[in-house]
C-alpha cells in the first residue's frame, strides 16, 4: 500500500526534535507530531480495512520515494525521512518496542524538482526483495 505525505523539513531526523525547556530532554516538535499522527491514522485505516494482523517474525518493509521541492542550498537526504515514518507505522501496527517484528526501511528514489514536495511511503508485509514498481 502507498501512503502519500507532504514534504515538511520538520519531519526530518535532523529537524524533528527540540529540547524541553525544563528537563533538557529531546521532544518531538508539534509539526512533526501532527505529521506522524496523520501517517499513523492512514496506516491504521488501511490495517483495519484489510484486516491485517501481523504474526511474530513477519517483516514490514517501508520504501520511500522522496520528491523534494527544488530549492537552492543543501538538498535534503531521503534517509532522514524514514525514522519518524517507521515509528509511526510501527505504532499503527501496535508493535511498539517489543521487537517481535522486523522493520526494513529503504529509500528507493529521490528527486529534487517537485513543485511542492511529496513523500510516498510503500508499506509491504513479507515482501520480496524488489517491489513491482522498482523492477
Protein backbone atom coordinates (compact mmCIF):
# COMPACT_ATOMS: atom_id res chain seq x y z
CA UNK A 1 0.00 0.00 0.00
CA UNK A 2 1.20 3.52 -0.80
CA UNK A 3 0.81 6.46 1.58
CA UNK A 4 1.49 9.99 0.35
CA UNK A 5 2.59 12.63 2.82
CA UNK A 6 3.64 16.25 2.30
CA UNK A 7 7.30 17.16 2.50
CA UNK A 8 7.97 19.09 5.68
CA UNK A 9 11.55 19.83 6.78
CA UNK A 10 10.35 19.34 10.39
CA UNK A 11 9.80 15.63 9.68
CA UNK A 12 13.50 15.06 9.00
CA UNK A 13 15.53 13.34 11.71
CA UNK A 14 17.70 16.46 11.71
CA UNK A 15 14.80 18.85 12.39
CA UNK A 16 12.01 16.91 14.12
CA UNK A 17 13.05 17.41 17.74
CA UNK A 18 13.59 20.28 20.12
CA UNK A 19 14.57 20.29 23.80
CA UNK A 20 12.24 20.55 26.76
CA UNK A 21 12.92 23.88 28.49
CA UNK A 22 12.78 22.34 31.96
CA UNK A 23 14.43 18.94 31.57
CA UNK A 24 16.58 19.47 28.51
CA UNK A 25 15.35 16.16 27.10
CA UNK A 26 14.58 15.91 23.39
CA UNK A 27 10.89 16.13 22.46
CA UNK A 28 9.11 15.94 19.11
CA UNK A 29 8.19 19.30 17.58
CA UNK A 30 4.47 19.99 17.18
CA UNK A 31 4.63 19.95 13.34
CA UNK A 32 6.42 16.59 13.35
CA UNK A 33 3.94 15.13 15.85
CA UNK A 34 0.96 16.20 13.71
CA UNK A 35 2.59 14.72 10.58
CA UNK A 36 3.35 11.48 12.43
CA UNK A 37 -0.25 11.23 13.70
CA UNK A 38 -1.67 11.71 10.18
CA UNK A 39 0.53 8.96 8.74
CA UNK A 40 -0.29 6.64 11.65
CA UNK A 41 -4.03 7.23 11.09
CA UNK A 42 -3.73 6.50 7.35
CA UNK A 43 -1.88 3.24 8.05
CA UNK A 44 -4.31 2.30 10.83
CA UNK A 45 -7.28 2.74 8.46
CA UNK A 46 -5.54 0.53 5.87
CA UNK A 47 -4.79 -2.13 8.51
CA UNK A 48 -8.41 -2.12 9.69
CA UNK A 49 -9.84 -2.04 6.17
CA UNK A 50 -7.73 -5.00 5.03
CA UNK A 51 -7.98 -6.78 8.41
CA UNK A 52 -4.21 -7.13 8.59
CA UNK A 53 -2.77 -8.90 11.62
CA UNK A 54 0.97 -9.28 11.91
CA UNK A 55 2.34 -12.56 13.10
CA UNK A 56 5.57 -12.75 15.12
CA UNK A 57 8.69 -12.73 12.96
CA UNK A 58 6.91 -11.15 9.99
CA UNK A 59 8.78 -8.42 8.15
CA UNK A 60 7.33 -4.99 7.41
CA UNK A 61 9.16 -3.22 4.58
CA UNK A 62 8.91 0.54 4.18
CA UNK A 63 10.09 2.01 0.89
CA UNK A 64 10.33 5.75 0.36
CA UNK A 65 10.03 7.66 -2.90
CA UNK A 66 11.17 11.14 -1.84
CA UNK A 67 10.19 14.02 -4.10
CA UNK A 68 11.72 17.16 -2.66
CA UNK A 69 10.97 20.70 -3.83
CA UNK A 70 13.53 22.48 -5.96
CA UNK A 71 15.32 24.89 -3.65
CA UNK A 72 18.75 26.48 -3.52
CA UNK A 73 21.26 25.30 -0.94
CA UNK A 74 21.75 21.91 0.63
CA UNK A 75 19.48 19.19 -0.71
CA UNK A 76 17.51 17.02 1.75
CA UNK A 77 18.61 13.43 2.29
CA UNK A 78 15.86 10.82 1.83
CA UNK A 79 17.20 8.65 4.67
CA UNK A 80 16.39 11.42 7.14
CA UNK A 81 12.67 10.95 6.42
CA UNK A 82 12.48 7.26 7.28
CA UNK A 83 12.80 7.17 11.10
CA UNK A 84 9.69 9.15 12.02
CA UNK A 85 7.66 7.30 9.39
CA UNK A 86 8.92 3.94 10.66
CA UNK A 87 7.95 4.87 14.23
CA UNK A 88 4.51 5.99 13.08
CA UNK A 89 3.91 2.83 11.05
CA UNK A 90 5.07 0.63 13.94
CA UNK A 91 2.61 2.42 16.23
CA UNK A 92 -0.18 1.81 13.70
CA UNK A 93 0.60 -1.91 13.78
CA UNK A 94 0.71 -1.74 17.59
CA UNK A 95 4.15 -3.29 17.83
CA UNK A 96 5.82 -0.59 19.90
CA UNK A 97 9.25 -1.57 21.11
CA UNK A 98 8.65 -5.31 21.65
CA UNK A 99 10.90 -6.25 18.76
CA UNK A 100 8.70 -9.19 17.65
CA UNK A 101 8.65 -7.87 14.10
CA UNK A 102 11.35 -6.75 11.71
CA UNK A 103 11.10 -3.37 10.05
CA UNK A 104 13.21 -2.75 6.96
CA UNK A 105 13.29 0.80 5.68
CA UNK A 106 14.91 1.99 2.49
CA UNK A 107 14.91 4.92 0.09
CA UNK A 108 14.09 3.72 -3.43
CA UNK A 109 14.26 7.06 -5.25
CA UNK A 110 14.99 10.73 -4.63
CA UNK A 111 14.29 13.74 -6.81
CA UNK A 112 14.78 17.42 -6.05
CA UNK A 113 12.46 19.05 -8.59
CA UNK A 114 8.90 18.52 -7.32
CA UNK A 115 6.93 21.81 -7.15
CA UNK A 116 5.64 21.23 -3.59
CA UNK A 117 7.46 18.15 -2.37
CA UNK A 118 5.92 14.81 -1.52
CA UNK A 119 6.98 11.74 0.43
CA UNK A 120 5.48 8.49 -0.80
CA UNK A 121 5.80 5.52 1.53
CA UNK A 122 5.11 2.00 0.33
CA UNK A 123 4.34 -0.44 3.15
CA UNK A 124 4.71 -4.15 2.41
CA UNK A 125 4.37 -7.19 4.64
CA UNK A 126 6.71 -10.14 4.00
CA UNK A 127 7.70 -8.51 0.71
CA UNK A 128 10.04 -9.93 -1.84
CA UNK A 129 13.38 -8.18 -2.31
CA UNK A 130 12.01 -5.83 -5.05
CA UNK A 131 8.56 -4.34 -5.50
CA UNK A 132 6.90 -4.48 -8.93
CA UNK A 133 7.40 -0.69 -9.30
CA UNK A 134 11.15 -0.98 -8.61
CA UNK A 135 11.70 -3.73 -11.19
